C-alpha atoms as a PDB file:
ATOM      1  CA  UNK A   1     -22.129  -3.468  23.327  1.00  0.00           C
ATOM      2  CA  UNK A   2     -21.556  -2.126  19.775  1.00  0.00           C
ATOM      3  CA  UNK A   3     -24.027   0.493  18.659  1.00  0.00           C
ATOM      4  CA  UNK A   4     -26.040  -0.210  15.524  1.00  0.00           C
ATOM      5  CA  UNK A   5     -24.837   1.862  12.582  1.00  0.00           C
ATOM      6  CA  UNK A   6     -27.176   4.555  11.323  1.00  0.00           C
ATOM      7  CA  UNK A   7     -27.383   5.210   7.575  1.00  0.00           C
ATOM      8  CA  UNK A   8     -28.136   8.588   6.020  1.00  0.00           C
ATOM      9  CA  UNK A   9     -29.426   8.739   2.434  1.00  0.00           C
ATOM     10  CA  UNK A  10     -28.271  11.653   0.298  1.00  0.00           C
ATOM     11  CA  UNK A  11     -29.851  12.095  -3.102  1.00  0.00           C
ATOM     12  CA  UNK A  12     -27.651  14.623  -4.905  1.00  0.00           C
ATOM     13  CA  UNK A  13     -23.996  13.518  -5.009  1.00  0.00           C
ATOM     14  CA  UNK A  14     -23.278  15.460  -8.202  1.00  0.00           C
ATOM     15  CA  UNK A  15     -20.064  14.543 -10.013  1.00  0.00           C
ATOM     16  CA  UNK A  16     -18.684  17.635 -11.730  1.00  0.00           C
ATOM     17  CA  UNK A  17     -15.522  18.828 -13.421  1.00  0.00           C
ATOM     18  CA  UNK A  18     -14.746  21.226 -10.585  1.00  0.00           C
ATOM     19  CA  UNK A  19     -15.268  19.028  -7.556  1.00  0.00           C
ATOM     20  CA  UNK A  20     -15.207  15.301  -6.997  1.00  0.00           C
ATOM     21  CA  UNK A  21     -18.526  15.522  -5.121  1.00  0.00           C
ATOM     22  CA  UNK A  22     -20.678  18.490  -4.272  1.00  0.00           C
ATOM     23  CA  UNK A  23     -24.194  19.052  -3.032  1.00  0.00           C
ATOM     24  CA  UNK A  24     -25.616  18.271   0.370  1.00  0.00           C
ATOM     25  CA  UNK A  25     -22.665  16.064   1.301  1.00  0.00           C
ATOM     26  CA  UNK A  26     -20.237  19.016   1.400  1.00  0.00           C
ATOM     27  CA  UNK A  27     -20.715  22.274   3.336  1.00  0.00           C
ATOM     28  CA  UNK A  28     -18.583  24.429   1.078  1.00  0.00           C
ATOM     29  CA  UNK A  29     -15.022  24.804  -0.097  1.00  0.00           C
ATOM     30  CA  UNK A  30     -12.644  22.391   1.622  1.00  0.00           C
ATOM     31  CA  UNK A  31      -9.123  23.840   2.108  1.00  0.00           C
ATOM     32  CA  UNK A  32      -6.187  21.610   1.186  1.00  0.00           C
ATOM     33  CA  UNK A  33      -2.835  22.162   2.873  1.00  0.00           C
ATOM     34  CA  UNK A  34       0.029  20.818   0.752  1.00  0.00           C
ATOM     35  CA  UNK A  35       3.335  20.272   2.525  1.00  0.00           C
ATOM     36  CA  UNK A  36       5.350  19.035  -0.449  1.00  0.00           C
ATOM     37  CA  UNK A  37       4.764  18.443  -4.170  1.00  0.00           C
ATOM     38  CA  UNK A  38       7.038  16.320  -6.313  1.00  0.00           C
ATOM     39  CA  UNK A  39       6.481  16.302 -10.103  1.00  0.00           C
ATOM     40  CA  UNK A  40       5.648  13.001 -11.813  1.00  0.00           C
ATOM     41  CA  UNK A  41       6.736  14.203 -15.241  1.00  0.00           C
ATOM     42  CA  UNK A  42       3.253  13.744 -16.699  1.00  0.00           C
ATOM     43  CA  UNK A  43      -0.197  15.256 -16.415  1.00  0.00           C
ATOM     44  CA  UNK A  44      -2.754  12.792 -14.992  1.00  0.00           C
ATOM     45  CA  UNK A  45      -6.097  14.234 -13.807  1.00  0.00           C
ATOM     46  CA  UNK A  46      -7.823  11.976 -11.292  1.00  0.00           C
ATOM     47  CA  UNK A  47     -11.355  12.397  -9.934  1.00  0.00           C
ATOM     48  CA  UNK A  48     -12.893  10.821  -6.869  1.00  0.00           C
ATOM     49  CA  UNK A  49     -16.657  10.314  -7.068  1.00  0.00           C
ATOM     50  CA  UNK A  50     -17.005   9.439  -3.374  1.00  0.00           C
ATOM     51  CA  UNK A  51     -15.604  12.520  -1.641  1.00  0.00           C
ATOM     52  CA  UNK A  52     -14.878  16.211  -1.950  1.00  0.00           C
ATOM     53  CA  UNK A  53     -11.645  16.269  -0.005  1.00  0.00           C
ATOM     54  CA  UNK A  54      -9.165  17.263  -2.694  1.00  0.00           C
ATOM     55  CA  UNK A  55      -6.913  14.268  -2.142  1.00  0.00           C
ATOM     56  CA  UNK A  56      -3.618  14.504  -3.982  1.00  0.00           C
ATOM     57  CA  UNK A  57      -1.503  12.001  -5.883  1.00  0.00           C
ATOM     58  CA  UNK A  58       2.130  11.256  -5.031  1.00  0.00           C
ATOM     59  CA  UNK A  59       4.030   8.854  -7.285  1.00  0.00           C
ATOM     60  CA  UNK A  60       0.755   7.425  -8.500  1.00  0.00           C
ATOM     61  CA  UNK A  61      -0.509   6.698  -4.965  1.00  0.00           C
ATOM     62  CA  UNK A  62      -3.397   8.585  -3.423  1.00  0.00           C
ATOM     63  CA  UNK A  63      -2.466   9.854   0.031  1.00  0.00           C
ATOM     64  CA  UNK A  64      -5.468   8.819   2.087  1.00  0.00           C
ATOM     65  CA  UNK A  65      -4.793   7.678   5.651  1.00  0.00           C
ATOM     66  CA  UNK A  66      -7.892   8.288   7.778  1.00  0.00           C
ATOM     67  CA  UNK A  67      -9.129  11.288   5.777  1.00  0.00           C
ATOM     68  CA  UNK A  68     -12.647  10.040   6.332  1.00  0.00           C
ATOM     69  CA  UNK A  69     -12.612  10.840  10.050  1.00  0.00           C
ATOM     70  CA  UNK A  70     -12.202  14.559   9.472  1.00  0.00           C
ATOM     71  CA  UNK A  71     -14.550  14.694   6.480  1.00  0.00           C
ATOM     72  CA  UNK A  72     -17.357  13.565   8.789  1.00  0.00           C
ATOM     73  CA  UNK A  73     -17.126  17.033  10.348  1.00  0.00           C
ATOM     74  CA  UNK A  74     -18.231  18.569   7.023  1.00  0.00           C
ATOM     75  CA  UNK A  75     -21.684  17.185   7.843  1.00  0.00           C
ATOM     76  CA  UNK A  76     -21.668  18.573  11.403  1.00  0.00           C
ATOM     77  CA  UNK A  77     -20.811  15.084  12.676  1.00  0.00           C
ATOM     78  CA  UNK A  78     -17.805  14.465  14.888  1.00  0.00           C
ATOM     79  CA  UNK A  79     -14.691  12.555  13.853  1.00  0.00           C
ATOM     80  CA  UNK A  80     -14.908  10.097  16.754  1.00  0.00           C
ATOM     81  CA  UNK A  81     -18.172   8.488  17.882  1.00  0.00           C
ATOM     82  CA  UNK A  82     -20.198   9.700  14.876  1.00  0.00           C
ATOM     83  CA  UNK A  83     -17.579   8.364  12.477  1.00  0.00           C
ATOM     84  CA  UNK A  84     -17.817   4.959  14.146  1.00  0.00           C
ATOM     85  CA  UNK A  85     -21.626   4.862  14.228  1.00  0.00           C
ATOM     86  CA  UNK A  86     -23.052   6.898  11.310  1.00  0.00           C
ATOM     87  CA  UNK A  87     -22.583   6.286   7.586  1.00  0.00           C
ATOM     88  CA  UNK A  88     -23.610   8.615   4.757  1.00  0.00           C
ATOM     89  CA  UNK A  89     -24.842   6.847   1.606  1.00  0.00           C
ATOM     90  CA  UNK A  90     -25.194   8.678  -1.726  1.00  0.00           C
ATOM     91  CA  UNK A  91     -27.791   6.367  -3.180  1.00  0.00           C
ATOM     92  CA  UNK A  92     -28.009   7.811  -6.719  1.00  0.00           C
ATOM     93  CA  UNK A  93     -24.277   7.913  -7.441  1.00  0.00           C
ATOM     94  CA  UNK A  94     -24.515   5.588 -10.459  1.00  0.00           C
ATOM     95  CA  UNK A  95     -27.323   7.576 -12.087  1.00  0.00           C
ATOM     96  CA  UNK A  96     -25.522  10.890 -11.617  1.00  0.00           C
ATOM     97  CA  UNK A  97     -22.302   9.354 -12.898  1.00  0.00           C
ATOM     98  CA  UNK A  98     -23.981   8.212 -16.125  1.00  0.00           C
ATOM     99  CA  UNK A  99     -25.338  11.727 -16.687  1.00  0.00           C
ATOM    100  CA  UNK A 100     -21.919  13.265 -16.200  1.00  0.00           C
ATOM    101  CA  UNK A 101     -20.146  10.711 -18.407  1.00  0.00           C
ATOM    102  CA  UNK A 102     -22.645  11.444 -21.184  1.00  0.00           C
ATOM    103  CA  UNK A 103     -22.107  15.203 -21.019  1.00  0.00           C
ATOM    104  CA  UNK A 104     -20.160  16.550 -24.029  1.00  0.00           C
ATOM    105  CA  UNK A 105     -17.897  18.526 -21.703  1.00  0.00           C
ATOM    106  CA  UNK A 106     -16.567  15.388 -19.958  1.00  0.00           C
ATOM    107  CA  UNK A 107     -13.054  14.588 -21.172  1.00  0.00           C
ATOM    108  CA  UNK A 108     -12.744  10.979 -20.022  1.00  0.00           C
ATOM    109  CA  UNK A 109     -10.349  11.613 -17.143  1.00  0.00           C
ATOM    110  CA  UNK A 110      -9.458   8.717 -14.880  1.00  0.00           C
ATOM    111  CA  UNK A 111     -11.738   8.357 -11.839  1.00  0.00           C
ATOM    112  CA  UNK A 112     -10.274   7.164  -8.535  1.00  0.00           C
ATOM    113  CA  UNK A 113     -12.540   5.420  -6.010  1.00  0.00           C
ATOM    114  CA  UNK A 114     -11.768   4.551  -2.408  1.00  0.00           C
ATOM    115  CA  UNK A 115      -9.305   7.361  -1.795  1.00  0.00           C
ATOM    116  CA  UNK A 116     -11.144   8.649   1.266  1.00  0.00           C
ATOM    117  CA  UNK A 117     -13.730   6.070   2.287  1.00  0.00           C
ATOM    118  CA  UNK A 118     -13.815   2.421   1.279  1.00  0.00           C
ATOM    119  CA  UNK A 119     -16.282   1.838  -1.540  1.00  0.00           C
ATOM    120  CA  UNK A 120     -16.516  -1.837  -0.492  1.00  0.00           C
ATOM    121  CA  UNK A 121     -17.273  -1.281   3.173  1.00  0.00           C
ATOM    122  CA  UNK A 122     -20.152  -3.167   4.782  1.00  0.00           C
ATOM    123  CA  UNK A 123     -22.841  -0.738   3.603  1.00  0.00           C
ATOM    124  CA  UNK A 124     -22.055  -1.655  -0.005  1.00  0.00           C
ATOM    125  CA  UNK A 125     -23.400  -5.135   0.631  1.00  0.00           C
ATOM    126  CA  UNK A 126     -26.790  -3.563   1.315  1.00  0.00           C
ATOM    127  CA  UNK A 127     -26.852  -0.712  -1.201  1.00  0.00           C
ATOM    128  CA  UNK A 128     -24.985  -2.336  -4.134  1.00  0.00           C
ATOM    129  CA  UNK A 129     -23.809   0.947  -5.645  1.00  0.00           C
ATOM    130  CA  UNK A 130     -20.572  -0.311  -7.183  1.00  0.00           C
ATOM    131  CA  UNK A 131     -22.070  -2.615  -9.856  1.00  0.00           C
ATOM    132  CA  UNK A 132     -23.914   0.358 -11.347  1.00  0.00           C
ATOM    133  CA  UNK A 133     -20.832   2.576 -11.090  1.00  0.00           C
ATOM    134  CA  UNK A 134     -18.497   0.014 -12.683  1.00  0.00           C
ATOM    135  CA  UNK A 135     -21.009  -0.711 -15.443  1.00  0.00           C
ATOM    136  CA  UNK A 136     -21.356   2.992 -16.239  1.00  0.00           C
ATOM    137  CA  UNK A 137     -17.593   3.470 -16.432  1.00  0.00           C
ATOM    138  CA  UNK A 138     -17.239   0.336 -18.551  1.00  0.00           C
ATOM    139  CA  UNK A 139     -20.006   1.349 -20.958  1.00  0.00           C
ATOM    140  CA  UNK A 140     -18.248   4.673 -21.525  1.00  0.00           C
ATOM    141  CA  UNK A 141     -14.741   3.118 -21.610  1.00  0.00           C
ATOM    142  CA  UNK A 142     -13.718   5.555 -18.889  1.00  0.00           C
ATOM    143  CA  UNK A 143     -10.524   4.571 -17.015  1.00  0.00           C
ATOM    144  CA  UNK A 144     -10.818   4.127 -13.260  1.00  0.00           C
ATOM    145  CA  UNK A 145      -9.062   2.810 -10.182  1.00  0.00           C
ATOM    146  CA  UNK A 146     -10.292   1.209  -6.961  1.00  0.00           C
ATOM    147  CA  UNK A 147      -8.534   1.154  -3.597  1.00  0.00           C
ATOM    148  CA  UNK A 148     -10.164  -1.053  -0.960  1.00  0.00           C
ATOM    149  CA  UNK A 149      -9.620  -3.416   1.923  1.00  0.00           C
ATOM    150  CA  UNK A 150     -13.015  -5.000   1.293  1.00  0.00           C
ATOM    151  CA  UNK A 151     -13.271  -8.574   0.035  1.00  0.00           C
ATOM    152  CA  UNK A 152     -16.700  -7.667  -1.362  1.00  0.00           C
ATOM    153  CA  UNK A 153     -14.868  -6.527  -4.485  1.00  0.00           C
ATOM    154  CA  UNK A 154     -14.829 -10.200  -5.536  1.00  0.00           C
ATOM    155  CA  UNK A 155     -18.599  -9.980  -6.053  1.00  0.00           C
ATOM    156  CA  UNK A 156     -17.939  -7.570  -8.912  1.00  0.00           C
ATOM    157  CA  UNK A 157     -15.043  -9.471 -10.479  1.00  0.00           C
ATOM    158  CA  UNK A 158     -16.972 -10.278 -13.694  1.00  0.00           C
ATOM    159  CA  UNK A 159     -17.813  -6.585 -14.112  1.00  0.00           C
ATOM    160  CA  UNK A 160     -14.194  -5.574 -13.478  1.00  0.00           C
ATOM    161  CA  UNK A 161     -12.945  -8.142 -16.006  1.00  0.00           C
ATOM    162  CA  UNK A 162     -15.392  -6.800 -18.593  1.00  0.00           C
ATOM    163  CA  UNK A 163     -14.353  -3.222 -17.889  1.00  0.00           C
ATOM    164  CA  UNK A 164     -10.653  -4.134 -18.179  1.00  0.00           C
ATOM    165  CA  UNK A 165     -11.292  -5.277 -21.751  1.00  0.00           C
ATOM    166  CA  UNK A 166     -12.630  -1.814 -22.624  1.00  0.00           C
ATOM    167  CA  UNK A 167     -10.515   0.617 -20.607  1.00  0.00           C
ATOM    168  CA  UNK A 168      -7.685   0.975 -18.088  1.00  0.00           C
ATOM    169  CA  UNK A 169      -8.652  -0.509 -14.720  1.00  0.00           C
ATOM    170  CA  UNK A 170      -6.407  -0.371 -11.661  1.00  0.00           C
ATOM    171  CA  UNK A 171      -7.149  -2.329  -8.484  1.00  0.00           C
ATOM    172  CA  UNK A 172      -5.296  -1.948  -5.181  1.00  0.00           C
ATOM    173  CA  UNK A 173      -5.848  -3.672  -1.845  1.00  0.00           C
ATOM    174  CA  UNK A 174      -4.839  -2.228   1.530  1.00  0.00           C
ATOM    175  CA  UNK A 175      -2.999  -4.779   3.692  1.00  0.00           C
ATOM    176  CA  UNK A 176      -0.897  -3.281   6.477  1.00  0.00           C
ATOM    177  CA  UNK A 177       0.127  -6.445   8.368  1.00  0.00           C
ATOM    178  CA  UNK A 178      -0.877 -10.070   8.963  1.00  0.00           C
ATOM    179  CA  UNK A 179      -1.056 -10.486  12.734  1.00  0.00           C
ATOM    180  CA  UNK A 180      -4.619 -11.653  13.498  1.00  0.00           C
ATOM    181  CA  UNK A 181      -4.557 -10.532  17.144  1.00  0.00           C
ATOM    182  CA  UNK A 182      -3.437  -7.037  16.207  1.00  0.00           C
ATOM    183  CA  UNK A 183      -6.012  -6.919  13.421  1.00  0.00           C
ATOM    184  CA  UNK A 184      -8.838  -7.688  15.874  1.00  0.00           C
ATOM    185  CA  UNK A 185      -7.813  -4.756  18.059  1.00  0.00           C
ATOM    186  CA  UNK A 186      -6.868  -2.278  15.319  1.00  0.00           C
ATOM    187  CA  UNK A 187      -9.192  -3.004  12.398  1.00  0.00           C
ATOM    188  CA  UNK A 188     -12.066  -5.051  13.766  1.00  0.00           C
ATOM    189  CA  UNK A 189     -15.027  -4.743  11.449  1.00  0.00           C
ATOM    190  CA  UNK A 190     -12.849  -5.065   8.343  1.00  0.00           C
ATOM    191  CA  UNK A 191     -12.048  -8.304   6.517  1.00  0.00           C
ATOM    192  CA  UNK A 192      -9.162 -10.138   8.153  1.00  0.00           C
ATOM    193  CA  UNK A 193      -5.662  -9.818   6.661  1.00  0.00           C
ATOM    194  CA  UNK A 194      -5.824 -13.462   5.545  1.00  0.00           C
ATOM    195  CA  UNK A 195      -9.041 -12.805   3.607  1.00  0.00           C
ATOM    196  CA  UNK A 196      -7.550  -9.709   2.004  1.00  0.00           C
ATOM    197  CA  UNK A 197      -4.443 -11.609   0.921  1.00  0.00           C
ATOM    198  CA  UNK A 198      -6.720 -14.277  -0.543  1.00  0.00           C
ATOM    199  CA  UNK A 199      -8.574 -11.525  -2.398  1.00  0.00           C
ATOM    200  CA  UNK A 200      -5.283 -10.400  -3.947  1.00  0.00           C
ATOM    201  CA  UNK A 201      -4.716 -14.007  -5.039  1.00  0.00           C
ATOM    202  CA  UNK A 202      -8.179 -14.441  -6.548  1.00  0.00           C
ATOM    203  CA  UNK A 203      -8.061 -11.126  -8.410  1.00  0.00           C
ATOM    204  CA  UNK A 204      -4.617 -12.009  -9.744  1.00  0.00           C
ATOM    205  CA  UNK A 205      -5.767 -15.467 -10.810  1.00  0.00           C
ATOM    206  CA  UNK A 206      -8.567 -13.773 -12.743  1.00  0.00           C
ATOM    207  CA  UNK A 207      -6.010 -11.779 -14.726  1.00  0.00           C
ATOM    208  CA  UNK A 208      -6.103  -8.484 -12.801  1.00  0.00           C
ATOM    209  CA  UNK A 209      -2.853  -6.690 -11.966  1.00  0.00           C
ATOM    210  CA  UNK A 210      -3.225  -5.967  -8.249  1.00  0.00           C
ATOM    211  CA  UNK A 211      -1.124  -3.485  -6.302  1.00  0.00           C
ATOM    212  CA  UNK A 212      -1.025  -3.444  -2.510  1.00  0.00           C
ATOM    213  CA  UNK A 213      -0.776  -0.449  -0.223  1.00  0.00           C
ATOM    214  CA  UNK A 214       0.982  -1.631   2.925  1.00  0.00           C
ATOM    215  CA  UNK A 215      -0.824   0.951   4.996  1.00  0.00           C
ATOM    216  CA  UNK A 216      -0.898   2.351   7.468  1.00  0.00           C
ATOM    217  CA  UNK A 217       2.393   1.208   8.959  1.00  0.00           C
ATOM    218  CA  UNK A 218       2.148   2.037  12.665  1.00  0.00           C
ATOM    219  CA  UNK A 219       5.383   3.203  14.335  1.00  0.00           C
ATOM    220  CA  UNK A 220       6.342   0.919  17.184  1.00  0.00           C
ATOM    221  CA  UNK A 221       3.546  -1.526  16.368  1.00  0.00           C
ATOM    222  CA  UNK A 222       3.774  -2.904  12.826  1.00  0.00           C
ATOM    223  CA  UNK A 223       7.089  -1.493  11.578  1.00  0.00           C
ATOM    224  CA  UNK A 224       9.414  -4.274  12.779  1.00  0.00           C
ATOM    225  CA  UNK A 225      11.385  -6.561  10.461  1.00  0.00           C
ATOM    226  CA  UNK A 226       9.253  -9.596  11.368  1.00  0.00           C
ATOM    227  CA  UNK A 227       5.946  -7.845  10.629  1.00  0.00           C
ATOM    228  CA  UNK A 228       7.246  -6.370   7.386  1.00  0.00           C
ATOM    229  CA  UNK A 229       8.834  -9.548   6.053  1.00  0.00           C
ATOM    230  CA  UNK A 230       5.820 -11.748   6.820  1.00  0.00           C
ATOM    231  CA  UNK A 231       3.446  -9.333   5.100  1.00  0.00           C
ATOM    232  CA  UNK A 232       5.566  -8.878   1.984  1.00  0.00           C
ATOM    233  CA  UNK A 233       6.168 -12.622   1.694  1.00  0.00           C
ATOM    234  CA  UNK A 234       2.436 -13.404   1.835  1.00  0.00           C
ATOM    235  CA  UNK A 235       1.641 -10.711  -0.733  1.00  0.00           C
ATOM    236  CA  UNK A 236       4.339 -11.945  -3.094  1.00  0.00           C
ATOM    237  CA  UNK A 237       3.007 -15.499  -2.824  1.00  0.00           C
ATOM    238  CA  UNK A 238      -0.500 -14.204  -3.563  1.00  0.00           C
ATOM    239  CA  UNK A 239       0.722 -12.621  -6.801  1.00  0.00           C
ATOM    240  CA  UNK A 240       0.728  -8.933  -5.867  1.00  0.00           C
ATOM    241  CA  UNK A 241       2.211  -6.842  -8.663  1.00  0.00           C
ATOM    242  CA  UNK A 242       3.627  -4.243  -6.285  1.00  0.00           C
ATOM    243  CA  UNK A 243       3.810  -3.258  -2.623  1.00  0.00           C
ATOM    244  CA  UNK A 244       3.861   0.402  -1.602  1.00  0.00           C
ATOM    245  CA  UNK A 245       4.528   1.209   2.076  1.00  0.00           C
ATOM    246  CA  UNK A 246       2.706   4.142   3.672  1.00  0.00           C
ATOM    247  CA  UNK A 247       3.553   5.220   7.202  1.00  0.00           C
ATOM    248  CA  UNK A 248       0.656   6.432   9.365  1.00  0.00           C
ATOM    249  CA  UNK A 249      -0.498   9.991   8.614  1.00  0.00           C
ATOM    250  CA  UNK A 250      -1.854  11.952  11.580  1.00  0.00           C
ATOM    251  CA  UNK A 251      -4.132  14.534  10.029  1.00  0.00           C
ATOM    252  CA  UNK A 252      -6.756  16.583  11.803  1.00  0.00           C
ATOM    253  CA  UNK A 253      -9.468  14.324  13.156  1.00  0.00           C
ATOM    254  CA  UNK A 254      -7.396  11.164  13.052  1.00  0.00           C
ATOM    255  CA  UNK A 255      -4.552  12.841  14.956  1.00  0.00           C
ATOM    256  CA  UNK A 256      -6.569  13.861  18.001  1.00  0.00           C
ATOM    257  CA  UNK A 257      -8.361  10.522  18.184  1.00  0.00           C
ATOM    258  CA  UNK A 258      -5.218   8.423  17.734  1.00  0.00           C
ATOM    259  CA  UNK A 259      -2.992  10.345  20.153  1.00  0.00           C
ATOM    260  CA  UNK A 260      -5.631  10.283  22.894  1.00  0.00           C
ATOM    261  CA  UNK A 261      -5.811   6.538  22.502  1.00  0.00           C
ATOM    262  CA  UNK A 262      -2.003   6.244  22.433  1.00  0.00           C
ATOM    263  CA  UNK A 263      -1.620   8.144  25.725  1.00  0.00           C
ATOM    264  CA  UNK A 264      -4.230   5.944  27.358  1.00  0.00           C
ATOM    265  CA  UNK A 265      -3.079   2.576  26.032  1.00  0.00           C
ATOM    266  CA  UNK A 266       0.598   2.840  25.084  1.00  0.00           C
ATOM    267  CA  UNK A 267       2.147   5.729  27.033  1.00  0.00           C
ATOM    268  CA  UNK A 268       5.583   4.197  26.465  1.00  0.00           C
ATOM    269  CA  UNK A 269       5.249   4.945  22.737  1.00  0.00           C
ATOM    270  CA  UNK A 270       4.350   8.615  23.226  1.00  0.00           C
ATOM    271  CA  UNK A 271       7.995   9.857  23.136  1.00  0.00           C
ATOM    272  CA  UNK A 272       8.537   7.977  19.859  1.00  0.00           C
ATOM    273  CA  UNK A 273       5.530   9.683  18.268  1.00  0.00           C
ATOM    274  CA  UNK A 274       6.587  13.070  19.612  1.00  0.00           C
ATOM    275  CA  UNK A 275       9.903  12.627  17.809  1.00  0.00           C
ATOM    276  CA  UNK A 276       8.355  11.355  14.588  1.00  0.00           C
ATOM    277  CA  UNK A 277       5.422  13.819  14.471  1.00  0.00           C
ATOM    278  CA  UNK A 278       6.645  17.024  16.177  1.00  0.00           C
ATOM    279  CA  UNK A 279       4.150  19.827  16.678  1.00  0.00           C
ATOM    280  CA  UNK A 280       1.201  19.387  14.324  1.00  0.00           C
ATOM    281  CA  UNK A 281       3.068  17.486  11.625  1.00  0.00           C
ATOM    282  CA  UNK A 282       0.844  15.053   9.754  1.00  0.00           C
ATOM    283  CA  UNK A 283       3.719  13.047   8.315  1.00  0.00           C
ATOM    284  CA  UNK A 284       6.404  11.093  10.133  1.00  0.00           C
ATOM    285  CA  UNK A 285       9.952  12.410   9.833  1.00  0.00           C
ATOM    286  CA  UNK A 286      11.691  11.906   6.509  1.00  0.00           C
ATOM    287  CA  UNK A 287      14.451   9.815   8.104  1.00  0.00           C
ATOM    288  CA  UNK A 288      11.924   7.393   9.572  1.00  0.00           C
ATOM    289  CA  UNK A 289      10.003   7.122   6.304  1.00  0.00           C
ATOM    290  CA  UNK A 290      13.239   6.341   4.449  1.00  0.00           C
ATOM    291  CA  UNK A 291      14.071   3.703   7.054  1.00  0.00           C
ATOM    292  CA  UNK A 292      10.698   1.983   6.650  1.00  0.00           C
ATOM    293  CA  UNK A 293      10.814   2.221   2.856  1.00  0.00           C
ATOM    294  CA  UNK A 294      14.253   0.582   2.863  1.00  0.00           C
ATOM    295  CA  UNK A 295      13.009  -2.147   5.205  1.00  0.00           C
ATOM    296  CA  UNK A 296      10.051  -2.925   2.936  1.00  0.00           C
ATOM    297  CA  UNK A 297      12.148  -2.856  -0.203  1.00  0.00           C
ATOM    298  CA  UNK A 298      14.660  -5.278   1.293  1.00  0.00           C
ATOM    299  CA  UNK A 299      11.767  -7.640   1.950  1.00  0.00           C
ATOM    300  CA  UNK A 300      10.559  -7.093  -1.616  1.00  0.00           C
ATOM    301  CA  UNK A 301      14.017  -8.077  -2.902  1.00  0.00           C
ATOM    302  CA  UNK A 302      14.010 -11.215  -0.802  1.00  0.00           C
ATOM    303  CA  UNK A 303      10.616 -12.258  -2.153  1.00  0.00           C
ATOM    304  CA  UNK A 304      11.047 -11.258  -5.802  1.00  0.00           C
ATOM    305  CA  UNK A 305       8.838  -8.177  -5.938  1.00  0.00           C
ATOM    306  CA  UNK A 306      11.427  -5.739  -7.310  1.00  0.00           C
ATOM    307  CA  UNK A 307      12.142  -5.635 -11.062  1.00  0.00           C
ATOM    308  CA  UNK A 308      15.640  -6.853 -11.916  1.00  0.00           C
ATOM    309  CA  UNK A 309      16.835  -3.400 -13.047  1.00  0.00           C
ATOM    310  CA  UNK A 310      15.933  -1.928  -9.632  1.00  0.00           C
ATOM    311  CA  UNK A 311      17.834  -4.418  -7.505  1.00  0.00           C
ATOM    312  CA  UNK A 312      21.348  -2.980  -7.786  1.00  0.00           C
ATOM    313  CA  UNK A 313      20.143   0.630  -7.604  1.00  0.00           C
ATOM    314  CA  UNK A 314      18.065  -0.127  -4.530  1.00  0.00           C
ATOM    315  CA  UNK A 315      21.050  -1.575  -2.705  1.00  0.00           C
ATOM    316  CA  UNK A 316      22.890   1.731  -3.107  1.00  0.00           C
ATOM    317  CA  UNK A 317      20.102   4.299  -2.828  1.00  0.00           C
ATOM    318  CA  UNK A 318      17.755   2.919  -0.206  1.00  0.00           C
ATOM    319  CA  UNK A 319      19.884   0.841   2.142  1.00  0.00           C
ATOM    320  CA  UNK A 320      20.338   2.737   5.439  1.00  0.00           C
ATOM    321  CA  UNK A 321      23.838   2.832   6.845  1.00  0.00           C
ATOM    322  CA  UNK A 322      22.527   1.974  10.293  1.00  0.00           C
ATOM    323  CA  UNK A 323      19.047   1.161  11.491  1.00  0.00           C
ATOM    324  CA  UNK A 324      17.601   2.684  14.612  1.00  0.00           C
ATOM    325  CA  UNK A 325      16.235   0.071  17.015  1.00  0.00           C
ATOM    326  CA  UNK A 326      12.523  -0.481  16.571  1.00  0.00           C
ATOM    327  CA  UNK A 327      10.248   0.514  19.406  1.00  0.00           C
ATOM    328  CA  UNK A 328       8.807  -2.431  21.327  1.00  0.00           C
ATOM    329  CA  UNK A 329       5.646  -3.925  19.909  1.00  0.00           C
ATOM    330  CA  UNK A 330       2.492  -3.130  21.824  1.00  0.00           C
ATOM    331  CA  UNK A 331      -0.886  -4.766  22.170  1.00  0.00           C
ATOM    332  CA  UNK A 332      -4.407  -3.435  22.034  1.00  0.00           C
ATOM    333  CA  UNK A 333      -5.524  -0.800  19.529  1.00  0.00           C
ATOM    334  CA  UNK A 334      -8.750   0.739  18.375  1.00  0.00           C
ATOM    335  CA  UNK A 335     -10.045   0.884  14.828  1.00  0.00           C
ATOM    336  CA  UNK A 336      -8.065   3.301  12.652  1.00  0.00           C
ATOM    337  CA  UNK A 337     -10.183   3.354   9.505  1.00  0.00           C
END
């Protein structure tokens, strides 16, 4: 029987220039290991008011898969059972944000939300922190972005529309696949894929430009042509402005949890993961990532999601000469995020 979630109230989630969040929610400096940095050709400071993890930006996308599991350990909680049963709530985030936005030293940098934990998870329905946060950012015309898989964002659509008239607002939904059976085993407790696709449609109909992170793509489970094409087609029909594929990242915390589950439930996929994530690698091999990117982009071409000037280039640059056979699809999974 599911255990009732426990909520912890923290009253000092200070937003500062030096750290996205500091105070009682963080035990000290958090090291960041960077495997590869590719320049964007512009300087774009981004700040996350929900975490202190030092997430980084690659091609405009925050790399974020399952960071939250390991950040639970910063509070002396474990990345497994505690992550699934205990939630930390910074109840005065909006008030602290207004103070920081009013400070003369604040330069108006863009603030990214949802890059580690979902700001529209179930607890938001009870605590209603986002209306105050969005209103503060709107009042100060401070640009911001939101990444979520929560349909609760529709509650704040009027506030988002108002903010978009005053500053730059970016909204992205996370939709990894459509299969309802797989969703119930992998992401139970989150809104269904159908509801998330409908959220993309409703945000788009309201005039928002909505990007979609197709994430995480699970090797051997959701990376097949059928999964990919069905997801991209539904997103295109819903009006998504873009689709960005992200293959599963196996960082500390998420890695141990996921691989234990994989050995127990899908031992036949273990050799595939050993090839894609050798040693302690957090990222799948470059060849596999290129293969999946090409597969998604072919689906985007079929469903009209690539700009015209990218079509010919994509055929040459991203089309693999030969595709490796996909691993067989498997069944039951546990919750990833």
